[in-house]
Amino acid sequence: MKSKMGINFWKKELIKQFDLNDIGKDLLNILEKVSPERTLNYILYQFGRLYRDEIIDMYCEKYTSEKINMILEDLEEEKLNEYEIENYEIKVEESEDEEEI
C-alpha cells in the first residue's frame, strides 16, 4: 500500500497516540525492518479502528485541511466536507490563483 503520509509519520503517531513504551517501540522497529508494508498496514489498521471524528479532532489544530485529507486518504476515509472544516475550524490553504486576486 502506498501511503501519502509515509511510514515515519505513522510510526511517530502510533507511538504518541497509543503511548507505546520502549519495548513497543523496539518491536515496531523490528517489524518495520522485517516488513515495512506489513508494519504500515498494521499501523493504519490501528488508526482505522478510531472514529472519523476522533481522527479529525486529533489533527484539526495541528494541520491544514489538505494534510488532514491526506491522513484520511491513508485511512481510506472520505475527504473533509465543508461542515467538518467549519465545525472543527480547520485552516484551509488558499490556492495560488486565489491569492493573486
PDB file of N, CA and C in Angstrom:
ATOM      1  N   MET A   1       0.838  -1.190   0.000  1.00  0.00           N
ATOM      2  CA  MET A   1       0.000   0.000   0.000  1.00  0.00           C
ATOM      3  C   MET A   1       0.879   1.249   0.000  1.00  0.00           C
ATOM      4  N   LYS A   2       0.506   2.192  -0.821  1.00  0.00           N
ATOM      5  CA  LYS A   2       1.217   3.457  -0.903  1.00  0.00           C
ATOM      6  C   LYS A   2       0.553   4.442   0.063  1.00  0.00           C
ATOM      7  N   SER A   3       1.372   5.061   0.898  1.00  0.00           N
ATOM      8  CA  SER A   3       0.869   5.993   1.901  1.00  0.00           C
ATOM      9  C   SER A   3       1.243   7.417   1.523  1.00  0.00           C
ATOM     10  N   LYS A   4       0.274   8.311   1.612  1.00  0.00           N
ATOM     11  CA  LYS A   4       0.534   9.732   1.348  1.00  0.00           C
ATOM     12  C   LYS A   4       1.439  10.330   2.427  1.00  0.00           C
ATOM     13  N   MET A   5       1.230   9.917   3.679  1.00  0.00           N
ATOM     14  CA  MET A   5       1.950  10.490   4.807  1.00  0.00           C
ATOM     15  C   MET A   5       3.287   9.787   5.079  1.00  0.00           C
ATOM     16  N   GLY A   6       3.423   8.548   4.671  1.00  0.00           N
ATOM     17  CA  GLY A   6       4.671   7.824   4.866  1.00  0.00           C
ATOM     18  C   GLY A   6       4.731   7.085   6.193  1.00  0.00           C
ATOM     19  N   ILE A   7       5.557   6.061   6.212  1.00  0.00           N
ATOM     20  CA  ILE A   7       5.634   5.196   7.393  1.00  0.00           C
ATOM     21  C   ILE A   7       6.208   5.921   8.610  1.00  0.00           C
ATOM     22  N   ASN A   8       7.137   6.843   8.411  1.00  0.00           N
ATOM     23  CA  ASN A   8       7.715   7.549   9.562  1.00  0.00           C
ATOM     24  C   ASN A   8       6.676   8.386  10.290  1.00  0.00           C
ATOM     25  N   PHE A   9       5.809   9.056   9.538  1.00  0.00           N
ATOM     26  CA  PHE A   9       4.724   9.814  10.154  1.00  0.00           C
ATOM     27  C   PHE A   9       3.844   8.893  10.978  1.00  0.00           C
ATOM     28  N   TRP A  10       3.444   7.784  10.384  1.00  0.00           N
ATOM     29  CA  TRP A  10       2.521   6.883  11.057  1.00  0.00           C
ATOM     30  C   TRP A  10       3.161   6.204  12.264  1.00  0.00           C
ATOM     31  N   LYS A  11       4.446   5.885  12.184  1.00  0.00           N
ATOM     32  CA  LYS A  11       5.136   5.304  13.348  1.00  0.00           C
ATOM     33  C   LYS A  11       5.131   6.286  14.514  1.00  0.00           C
ATOM     34  N   LYS A  12       5.484   7.543  14.242  1.00  0.00           N
ATOM     35  CA  LYS A  12       5.508   8.560  15.296  1.00  0.00           C
ATOM     36  C   LYS A  12       4.118   8.742  15.905  1.00  0.00           C
ATOM     37  N   GLU A  13       3.108   8.751  15.058  1.00  0.00           N
ATOM     38  CA  GLU A  13       1.741   8.931  15.555  1.00  0.00           C
ATOM     39  C   GLU A  13       1.284   7.737  16.402  1.00  0.00           C
ATOM     40  N   LEU A  14       1.640   6.531  15.972  1.00  0.00           N
ATOM     41  CA  LEU A  14       1.279   5.337  16.741  1.00  0.00           C
ATOM     42  C   LEU A  14       1.926   5.384  18.120  1.00  0.00           C
ATOM     43  N   ILE A  15       3.198   5.731  18.161  1.00  0.00           N
ATOM     44  CA  ILE A  15       3.915   5.819  19.431  1.00  0.00           C
ATOM     45  C   ILE A  15       3.268   6.853  20.340  1.00  0.00           C
ATOM     46  N   LYS A  16       2.927   8.010  19.783  1.00  0.00           N
ATOM     47  CA  LYS A  16       2.352   9.100  20.573  1.00  0.00           C
ATOM     48  C   LYS A  16       0.914   8.806  20.992  1.00  0.00           C
ATOM     49  N   GLN A  17       0.073   8.447  20.050  1.00  0.00           N
ATOM     50  CA  GLN A  17      -1.357   8.294  20.334  1.00  0.00           C
ATOM     51  C   GLN A  17      -1.674   7.077  21.194  1.00  0.00           C
ATOM     52  N   PHE A  18      -0.876   6.017  21.047  1.00  0.00           N
ATOM     53  CA  PHE A  18      -1.148   4.798  21.794  1.00  0.00           C
ATOM     54  C   PHE A  18      -0.132   4.582  22.911  1.00  0.00           C
ATOM     55  N   ASP A  19       0.666   5.616  23.175  1.00  0.00           N
ATOM     56  CA  ASP A  19       1.582   5.641  24.307  1.00  0.00           C
ATOM     57  C   ASP A  19       2.433   4.373  24.409  1.00  0.00           C
ATOM     58  N   LEU A  20       3.133   4.048  23.326  1.00  0.00           N
ATOM     59  CA  LEU A  20       3.985   2.859  23.320  1.00  0.00           C
ATOM     60  C   LEU A  20       5.187   3.057  24.240  1.00  0.00           C
ATOM     61  N   ASN A  21       5.526   2.022  24.988  1.00  0.00           N
ATOM     62  CA  ASN A  21       6.717   2.074  25.825  1.00  0.00           C
ATOM     63  C   ASN A  21       7.932   1.671  24.987  1.00  0.00           C
ATOM     64  N   ASP A  22       9.091   1.581  25.628  1.00  0.00           N
ATOM     65  CA  ASP A  22      10.326   1.266  24.901  1.00  0.00           C
ATOM     66  C   ASP A  22      10.271  -0.094  24.224  1.00  0.00           C
ATOM     67  N   ILE A  23       9.668  -1.077  24.874  1.00  0.00           N
ATOM     68  CA  ILE A  23       9.559  -2.407  24.281  1.00  0.00           C
ATOM     69  C   ILE A  23       8.680  -2.349  23.033  1.00  0.00           C
ATOM     70  N   GLY A  24       7.576  -1.625  23.104  1.00  0.00           N
ATOM     71  CA  GLY A  24       6.700  -1.457  21.949  1.00  0.00           C
ATOM     72  C   GLY A  24       7.407  -0.770  20.797  1.00  0.00           C
ATOM     73  N   LYS A  25       8.203   0.244  21.106  1.00  0.00           N
ATOM     74  CA  LYS A  25       8.963   0.957  20.071  1.00  0.00           C
ATOM     75  C   LYS A  25       9.975   0.025  19.408  1.00  0.00           C
ATOM     76  N   ASP A  26      10.668  -0.762  20.233  1.00  0.00           N
ATOM     77  CA  ASP A  26      11.646  -1.708  19.690  1.00  0.00           C
ATOM     78  C   ASP A  26      10.977  -2.740  18.780  1.00  0.00           C
ATOM     79  N   LEU A  27       9.849  -3.267  19.220  1.00  0.00           N
ATOM     80  CA  LEU A  27       9.127  -4.251  18.403  1.00  0.00           C
ATOM     81  C   LEU A  27       8.646  -3.639  17.100  1.00  0.00           C
ATOM     82  N   LEU A  28       8.193  -2.404  17.158  1.00  0.00           N
ATOM     83  CA  LEU A  28       7.749  -1.711  15.949  1.00  0.00           C
ATOM     84  C   LEU A  28       8.908  -1.547  14.967  1.00  0.00           C
ATOM     85  N   ASN A  29      10.086  -1.183  15.470  1.00  0.00           N
ATOM     86  CA  ASN A  29      11.265  -1.026  14.611  1.00  0.00           C
ATOM     87  C   ASN A  29      11.692  -2.356  14.005  1.00  0.00           C
ATOM     88  N   ILE A  30      11.618  -3.433  14.785  1.00  0.00           N
ATOM     89  CA  ILE A  30      11.968  -4.759  14.262  1.00  0.00           C
ATOM     90  C   ILE A  30      10.988  -5.159  13.177  1.00  0.00           C
ATOM     91  N   LEU A  31       9.706  -4.952  13.436  1.00  0.00           N
ATOM     92  CA  LEU A  31       8.680  -5.284  12.447  1.00  0.00           C
ATOM     93  C   LEU A  31       8.891  -4.497  11.161  1.00  0.00           C
ATOM     94  N   GLU A  32       9.256  -3.242  11.294  1.00  0.00           N
ATOM     95  CA  GLU A  32       9.484  -2.420  10.098  1.00  0.00           C
ATOM     96  C   GLU A  32      10.658  -2.949   9.279  1.00  0.00           C
ATOM     97  N   LYS A  33      11.730  -3.389   9.949  1.00  0.00           N
ATOM     98  CA  LYS A  33      12.885  -3.931   9.230  1.00  0.00           C
ATOM     99  C   LYS A  33      12.534  -5.223   8.499  1.00  0.00           C
ATOM    100  N   VAL A  34      11.683  -6.038   9.112  1.00  0.00           N
ATOM    101  CA  VAL A  34      11.285  -7.308   8.509  1.00  0.00           C
ATOM    102  C   VAL A  34      10.323  -7.085   7.352  1.00  0.00           C
ATOM    103  N   SER A  35       9.329  -6.228   7.566  1.00  0.00           N
ATOM    104  CA  SER A  35       8.326  -5.991   6.534  1.00  0.00           C
ATOM    105  C   SER A  35       7.703  -4.598   6.676  1.00  0.00           C
ATOM    106  N   PRO A  36       8.268  -3.612   5.979  1.00  0.00           N
ATOM    107  CA  PRO A  36       7.727  -2.251   6.067  1.00  0.00           C
ATOM    108  C   PRO A  36       6.249  -2.160   5.667  1.00  0.00           C
ATOM    109  N   GLU A  37       5.853  -2.927   4.649  1.00  0.00           N
ATOM    110  CA  GLU A  37       4.464  -2.863   4.191  1.00  0.00           C
ATOM    111  C   GLU A  37       3.502  -3.398   5.256  1.00  0.00           C
ATOM    112  N   ARG A  38       3.854  -4.497   5.871  1.00  0.00           N
ATOM    113  CA  ARG A  38       3.003  -5.041   6.944  1.00  0.00           C
ATOM    114  C   ARG A  38       2.945  -4.100   8.138  1.00  0.00           C
ATOM    115  N   THR A  39       4.067  -3.468   8.424  1.00  0.00           N
ATOM    116  CA  THR A  39       4.109  -2.511   9.529  1.00  0.00           C
ATOM    117  C   THR A  39       3.143  -1.366   9.266  1.00  0.00           C
ATOM    118  N   LEU A  40       3.206  -0.809   8.071  1.00  0.00           N
ATOM    119  CA  LEU A  40       2.307   0.283   7.709  1.00  0.00           C
ATOM    120  C   LEU A  40       0.856  -0.181   7.759  1.00  0.00           C
ATOM    121  N   ASN A  41       0.572  -1.350   7.224  1.00  0.00           N
ATOM    122  CA  ASN A  41      -0.796  -1.873   7.260  1.00  0.00           C
ATOM    123  C   ASN A  41      -1.290  -2.050   8.690  1.00  0.00           C
ATOM    124  N   TYR A  42      -0.432  -2.524   9.568  1.00  0.00           N
ATOM    125  CA  TYR A  42      -0.801  -2.697  10.979  1.00  0.00           C
ATOM    126  C   TYR A  42      -1.127  -1.351  11.621  1.00  0.00           C
ATOM    127  N   ILE A  43      -0.260  -0.373  11.387  1.00  0.00           N
ATOM    128  CA  ILE A  43      -0.481   0.959  11.973  1.00  0.00           C
ATOM    129  C   ILE A  43      -1.777   1.565  11.447  1.00  0.00           C
ATOM    130  N   LEU A  44      -1.996   1.498  10.148  1.00  0.00           N
ATOM    131  CA  LEU A  44      -3.219   2.056   9.567  1.00  0.00           C
ATOM    132  C   LEU A  44      -4.452   1.324  10.087  1.00  0.00           C
ATOM    133  N   TYR A  45      -4.325   0.022  10.304  1.00  0.00           N
ATOM    134  CA  TYR A  45      -5.434  -0.741  10.886  1.00  0.00           C
ATOM    135  C   TYR A  45      -5.768  -0.215  12.285  1.00  0.00           C
ATOM    136  N   GLN A  46      -4.745   0.041  13.087  1.00  0.00           N
ATOM    137  CA  GLN A  46      -4.977   0.543  14.444  1.00  0.00           C
ATOM    138  C   GLN A  46      -5.667   1.905  14.426  1.00  0.00           C
ATOM    139  N   PHE A  47      -5.222   2.794  13.553  1.00  0.00           N
ATOM    140  CA  PHE A  47      -5.861   4.106  13.446  1.00  0.00           C
ATOM    141  C   PHE A  47      -7.249   3.988  12.818  1.00  0.00           C
ATOM    142  N   GLY A  48      -7.424   3.025  11.939  1.00  0.00           N
ATOM    143  CA  GLY A  48      -8.714   2.816  11.298  1.00  0.00           C
ATOM    144  C   GLY A  48      -9.795   2.365  12.265  1.00  0.00           C
ATOM    145  N   ARG A  49      -9.406   1.885  13.420  1.00  0.00           N
ATOM    146  CA  ARG A  49     -10.367   1.461  14.448  1.00  0.00           C
ATOM    147  C   ARG A  49     -10.960   2.652  15.187  1.00  0.00           C
ATOM    148  N   LEU A  50     -10.327   3.832  15.036  1.00  0.00           N
ATOM    149  CA  LEU A  50     -10.846   5.037  15.665  1.00  0.00           C
ATOM    150  C   LEU A  50     -11.987   5.597  14.822  1.00  0.00           C
ATOM    151  N   TYR A  51     -12.863   6.353  15.458  1.00  0.00           N
ATOM    152  CA  TYR A  51     -13.937   7.015  14.731  1.00  0.00           C
ATOM    153  C   TYR A  51     -13.370   8.188  13.935  1.00  0.00           C
ATOM    154  N   ARG A  52     -14.032   8.473  12.831  1.00  0.00           N
ATOM    155  CA  ARG A  52     -13.610   9.571  11.954  1.00  0.00           C
ATOM    156  C   ARG A  52     -13.478  10.883  12.724  1.00  0.00           C
ATOM    157  N   ASP A  53     -14.458  11.195  13.566  1.00  0.00           N
ATOM    158  CA  ASP A  53     -14.402  12.461  14.305  1.00  0.00           C
ATOM    159  C   ASP A  53     -13.226  12.487  15.287  1.00  0.00           C
ATOM    160  N   GLU A  54     -12.803  11.335  15.798  1.00  0.00           N
ATOM    161  CA  GLU A  54     -11.629  11.284  16.669  1.00  0.00           C
ATOM    162  C   GLU A  54     -10.368  11.629  15.880  1.00  0.00           C
ATOM    163  N   ILE A  55     -10.285  11.096  14.679  1.00  0.00           N
ATOM    164  CA  ILE A  55      -9.133  11.377  13.816  1.00  0.00           C
ATOM    165  C   ILE A  55      -9.087  12.870  13.481  1.00  0.00           C
ATOM    166  N   ILE A  56     -10.206  13.408  13.060  1.00  0.00           N
ATOM    167  CA  ILE A  56     -10.252  14.833  12.689  1.00  0.00           C
ATOM    168  C   ILE A  56      -9.910  15.696  13.900  1.00  0.00           C
ATOM    169  N   ASP A  57     -10.470  15.367  15.044  1.00  0.00           N
ATOM    170  CA  ASP A  57     -10.210  16.127  16.265  1.00  0.00           C
ATOM    171  C   ASP A  57      -8.724  16.079  16.654  1.00  0.00           C
ATOM    172  N   MET A  58      -8.089  14.939  16.411  1.00  0.00           N
ATOM    173  CA  MET A  58      -6.666  14.772  16.735  1.00  0.00           C
ATOM    174  C   MET A  58      -5.787  15.748  15.958  1.00  0.00           C
ATOM    175  N   TYR A  59      -6.178  16.032  14.726  1.00  0.00           N
ATOM    176  CA  TYR A  59      -5.307  16.789  13.830  1.00  0.00           C
ATOM    177  C   TYR A  59      -5.820  18.174  13.446  1.00  0.00           C
ATOM    178  N   CYS A  60      -7.024  18.541  13.845  1.00  0.00           N
ATOM    179  CA  CYS A  60      -7.628  19.787  13.358  1.00  0.00           C
ATOM    180  C   CYS A  60      -6.854  21.042  13.753  1.00  0.00           C
ATOM    181  N   GLU A  61      -6.229  21.044  14.909  1.00  0.00           N
ATOM    182  CA  GLU A  61      -5.486  22.231  15.330  1.00  0.00           C
ATOM    183  C   GLU A  61      -4.046  22.216  14.834  1.00  0.00           C
ATOM    184  N   LYS A  62      -3.605  21.061  14.397  1.00  0.00           N
ATOM    185  CA  LYS A  62      -2.204  20.874  14.035  1.00  0.00           C
ATOM    186  C   LYS A  62      -1.940  21.044  12.535  1.00  0.00           C
ATOM    187  N   TYR A  63      -2.898  20.638  11.711  1.00  0.00           N
ATOM    188  CA  TYR A  63      -2.683  20.605  10.264  1.00  0.00           C
ATOM    189  C   TYR A  63      -3.789  21.326   9.505  1.00  0.00           C
ATOM    190  N   THR A  64      -3.481  21.640   8.241  1.00  0.00           N
ATOM    191  CA  THR A  64      -4.468  22.241   7.345  1.00  0.00           C
ATOM    192  C   THR A  64      -5.375  21.145   6.784  1.00  0.00           C
ATOM    193  N   SER A  65      -6.426  21.565   6.118  1.00  0.00           N
ATOM    194  CA  SER A  65      -7.372  20.610   5.531  1.00  0.00           C
ATOM    195  C   SER A  65      -6.689  19.692   4.525  1.00  0.00           C
ATOM    196  N   GLU A  66      -5.713  20.215   3.791  1.00  0.00           N
ATOM    197  CA  GLU A  66      -5.019  19.409   2.791  1.00  0.00           C
ATOM    198  C   GLU A  66      -4.292  18.227   3.436  1.00  0.00           C
ATOM    199  N   LYS A  67      -3.587  18.488   4.519  1.00  0.00           N
ATOM    200  CA  LYS A  67      -2.833  17.426   5.189  1.00  0.00           C
ATOM    201  C   LYS A  67      -3.790  16.443   5.887  1.00  0.00           C
ATOM    202  N   ILE A  68      -4.853  16.947   6.478  1.00  0.00           N
ATOM    203  CA  ILE A  68      -5.840  16.067   7.112  1.00  0.00           C
ATOM    204  C   ILE A  68      -6.481  15.171   6.057  1.00  0.00           C
ATOM    205  N   ASN A  69      -6.742  15.709   4.880  1.00  0.00           N
ATOM    206  CA  ASN A  69      -7.291  14.890   3.797  1.00  0.00           C
ATOM    207  C   ASN A  69      -6.316  13.789   3.385  1.00  0.00           C
ATOM    208  N   MET A  70      -5.025  14.061   3.425  1.00  0.00           N
ATOM    209  CA  MET A  70      -4.036  13.030   3.119  1.00  0.00           C
ATOM    210  C   MET A  70      -4.061  11.926   4.178  1.00  0.00           C
ATOM    211  N   ILE A  71      -4.210  12.321   5.434  1.00  0.00           N
ATOM    212  CA  ILE A  71      -4.321  11.354   6.533  1.00  0.00           C
ATOM    213  C   ILE A  71      -5.566  10.510   6.345  1.00  0.00           C
ATOM    214  N   LEU A  72      -6.685  11.169   6.062  1.00  0.00           N
ATOM    215  CA  LEU A  72      -7.945  10.446   5.853  1.00  0.00           C
ATOM    216  C   LEU A  72      -7.847   9.502   4.655  1.00  0.00           C
ATOM    217  N   GLU A  73      -7.164   9.936   3.612  1.00  0.00           N
ATOM    218  CA  GLU A  73      -6.996   9.074   2.436  1.00  0.00           C
ATOM    219  C   GLU A  73      -6.206   7.814   2.785  1.00  0.00           C
ATOM    220  N   ASP A  74      -5.145   7.977   3.577  1.00  0.00           N
ATOM    221  CA  ASP A  74      -4.379   6.812   4.025  1.00  0.00           C
ATOM    222  C   ASP A  74      -5.259   5.830   4.799  1.00  0.00           C
ATOM    223  N   LEU A  75      -6.226   6.375   5.528  1.00  0.00           N
ATOM    224  CA  LEU A  75      -7.129   5.551   6.338  1.00  0.00           C
ATOM    225  C   LEU A  75      -8.373   5.119   5.559  1.00  0.00           C
ATOM    226  N   GLU A  76      -8.357   5.392   4.256  1.00  0.00           N
ATOM    227  CA  GLU A  76      -9.453   5.031   3.358  1.00  0.00           C
ATOM    228  C   GLU A  76     -10.782   5.651   3.792  1.00  0.00           C
ATOM    229  N   GLU A  77     -10.700   6.906   4.198  1.00  0.00           N
ATOM    230  CA  GLU A  77     -11.866   7.699   4.581  1.00  0.00           C
ATOM    231  C   GLU A  77     -12.110   8.767   3.525  1.00  0.00           C
ATOM    232  N   GLU A  78     -13.316   9.281   3.481  1.00  0.00           N
ATOM    233  CA  GLU A  78     -13.652  10.378   2.574  1.00  0.00           C
ATOM    234  C   GLU A  78     -12.937  11.656   3.006  1.00  0.00           C
ATOM    235  N   LYS A  79     -12.733  12.554   2.053  1.00  0.00           N
ATOM    236  CA  LYS A  79     -12.128  13.845   2.364  1.00  0.00           C
ATOM    237  C   LYS A  79     -13.052  14.641   3.271  1.00  0.00           C
ATOM    238  N   LEU A  80     -12.486  15.665   3.890  1.00  0.00           N
ATOM    239  CA  LEU A  80     -13.271  16.555   4.742  1.00  0.00           C
ATOM    240  C   LEU A  80     -14.371  17.225   3.937  1.00  0.00           C
ATOM    241  N   ASN A  81     -15.515  17.392   4.549  1.00  0.00           N
ATOM    242  CA  ASN A  81     -16.572  18.151   3.901  1.00  0.00           C
ATOM    243  C   ASN A  81     -16.610  19.561   4.503  1.00  0.00           C
ATOM    244  N   GLU A  82     -17.387  20.422   3.908  1.00  0.00           N
ATOM    245  CA  GLU A  82     -17.449  21.822   4.354  1.00  0.00           C
ATOM    246  C   GLU A  82     -17.900  21.933   5.815  1.00  0.00           C
ATOM    247  N   TYR A  83     -18.863  21.118   6.195  1.00  0.00           N
ATOM    248  CA  TYR A  83     -19.346  21.143   7.572  1.00  0.00           C
ATOM    249  C   TYR A  83     -18.216  20.835   8.552  1.00  0.00           C
ATOM    250  N   GLU A  84     -17.429  19.801   8.275  1.00  0.00           N
ATOM    251  CA  GLU A  84     -16.326  19.426   9.166  1.00  0.00           C
ATOM    252  C   GLU A  84     -15.270  20.523   9.229  1.00  0.00           C
ATOM    253  N   ILE A  85     -14.972  21.118   8.087  1.00  0.00           N
ATOM    254  CA  ILE A  85     -13.976  22.192   8.046  1.00  0.00           C
ATOM    255  C   ILE A  85     -14.437  23.364   8.912  1.00  0.00           C
ATOM    256  N   GLU A  86     -15.696  23.717   8.817  1.00  0.00           N
ATOM    257  CA  GLU A  86     -16.225  24.823   9.621  1.00  0.00           C
ATOM    258  C   GLU A  86     -16.374  24.430  11.086  1.00  0.00           C
ATOM    259  N   ASN A  87     -16.910  23.258  11.341  1.00  0.00           N
ATOM    260  CA  ASN A  87     -17.177  22.803  12.700  1.00  0.00           C
ATOM    261  C   ASN A  87     -15.893  22.658  13.521  1.00  0.00           C
ATOM    262  N   TYR A  88     -14.850  22.123  12.918  1.00  0.00           N
ATOM    263  CA  TYR A  88     -13.585  21.924  13.621  1.00  0.00           C
ATOM    264  C   TYR A  88     -12.630  23.111  13.444  1.00  0.00           C
ATOM    265  N   GLU A  89     -13.087  24.129  12.716  1.00  0.00           N
ATOM    266  CA  GLU A  89     -12.304  25.334  12.451  1.00  0.00           C
ATOM    267  C   GLU A  89     -10.930  24.989  11.866  1.00  0.00           C
ATOM    268  N   ILE A  90     -10.949  24.177  10.816  1.00  0.00           N
ATOM    269  CA  ILE A  90      -9.729  23.718  10.173  1.00  0.00           C
ATOM    270  C   ILE A  90      -9.265  24.770   9.162  1.00  0.00           C
ATOM    271  N   LYS A  91      -7.998  25.077   9.216  1.00  0.00           N
ATOM    272  CA  LYS A  91      -7.425  26.046   8.291  1.00  0.00           C
ATOM    273  C   LYS A  91      -7.375  25.439   6.891  1.00  0.00           C
ATOM    274  N   VAL A  92      -7.787  26.237   5.910  1.00  0.00           N
ATOM    275  CA  VAL A  92      -7.770  25.813   4.511  1.00  0.00           C
ATOM    276  C   VAL A  92      -6.711  26.635   3.803  1.00  0.00           C
ATOM    277  N   GLU A  93      -5.800  25.932   3.103  1.00  0.00           N
ATOM    278  CA  GLU A  93      -4.784  26.646   2.329  1.00  0.00           C
ATOM    279  C   GLU A  93      -5.424  27.177   1.067  1.00  0.00           C
ATOM    280  N   GLU A  94      -5.128  28.431   0.773  1.00  0.00           N
ATOM    281  CA  GLU A  94      -5.659  29.025  -0.443  1.00  0.00           C
ATOM    282  C   GLU A  94      -4.773  28.635  -1.615  1.00  0.00           C
ATOM    283  N   SER A  95      -5.396  28.434  -2.755  1.00  0.00           N
ATOM    284  CA  SER A  95      -4.608  28.120  -3.957  1.00  0.00           C
ATOM    285  C   SER A  95      -3.913  29.377  -4.432  1.00  0.00           C
ATOM    286  N   GLU A  96      -2.875  29.218  -5.240  1.00  0.00           N
ATOM    287  CA  GLU A  96      -2.116  30.367  -5.737  1.00  0.00           C
ATOM    288  C   GLU A  96      -2.985  31.287  -6.575  1.00  0.00           C
ATOM    289  N   ASP A  97      -3.951  30.749  -7.294  1.00  0.00           N
ATOM    290  CA  ASP A  97      -4.841  31.572  -8.119  1.00  0.00           C
ATOM    291  C   ASP A  97      -5.652  32.510  -7.253  1.00  0.00           C
ATOM    292  N   GLU A  98      -6.148  32.008  -6.123  1.00  0.00           N
ATOM    293  CA  GLU A  98      -6.984  32.823  -5.250  1.00  0.00           C
ATOM    294  C   GLU A  98      -6.174  33.923  -4.573  1.00  0.00           C
ATOM    295  N   GLU A  99      -4.884  33.670  -4.298  1.00  0.00           N
ATOM    296  CA  GLU A  99      -4.047  34.649  -3.631  1.00  0.00           C
ATOM    297  C   GLU A  99      -3.758  35.836  -4.517  1.00  0.00           C
ATOM    298  N   GLU A 100      -3.718  35.620  -5.826  1.00  0.00           N
ATOM    299  CA  GLU A 100      -3.392  36.703  -6.750  1.00  0.00           C
ATOM    300  C   GLU A 100      -4.549  37.675  -6.931  1.00  0.00           C
ATOM    301  N   ILE A 101      -5.753  37.273  -6.666  1.00  0.00           N
ATOM    302  CA  ILE A 101      -6.935  38.122  -6.901  1.00  0.00           C
ATOM    303  C   ILE A 101      -7.008  39.254  -5.944  1.00  0.00           C
TER     304      ILE A 101
END
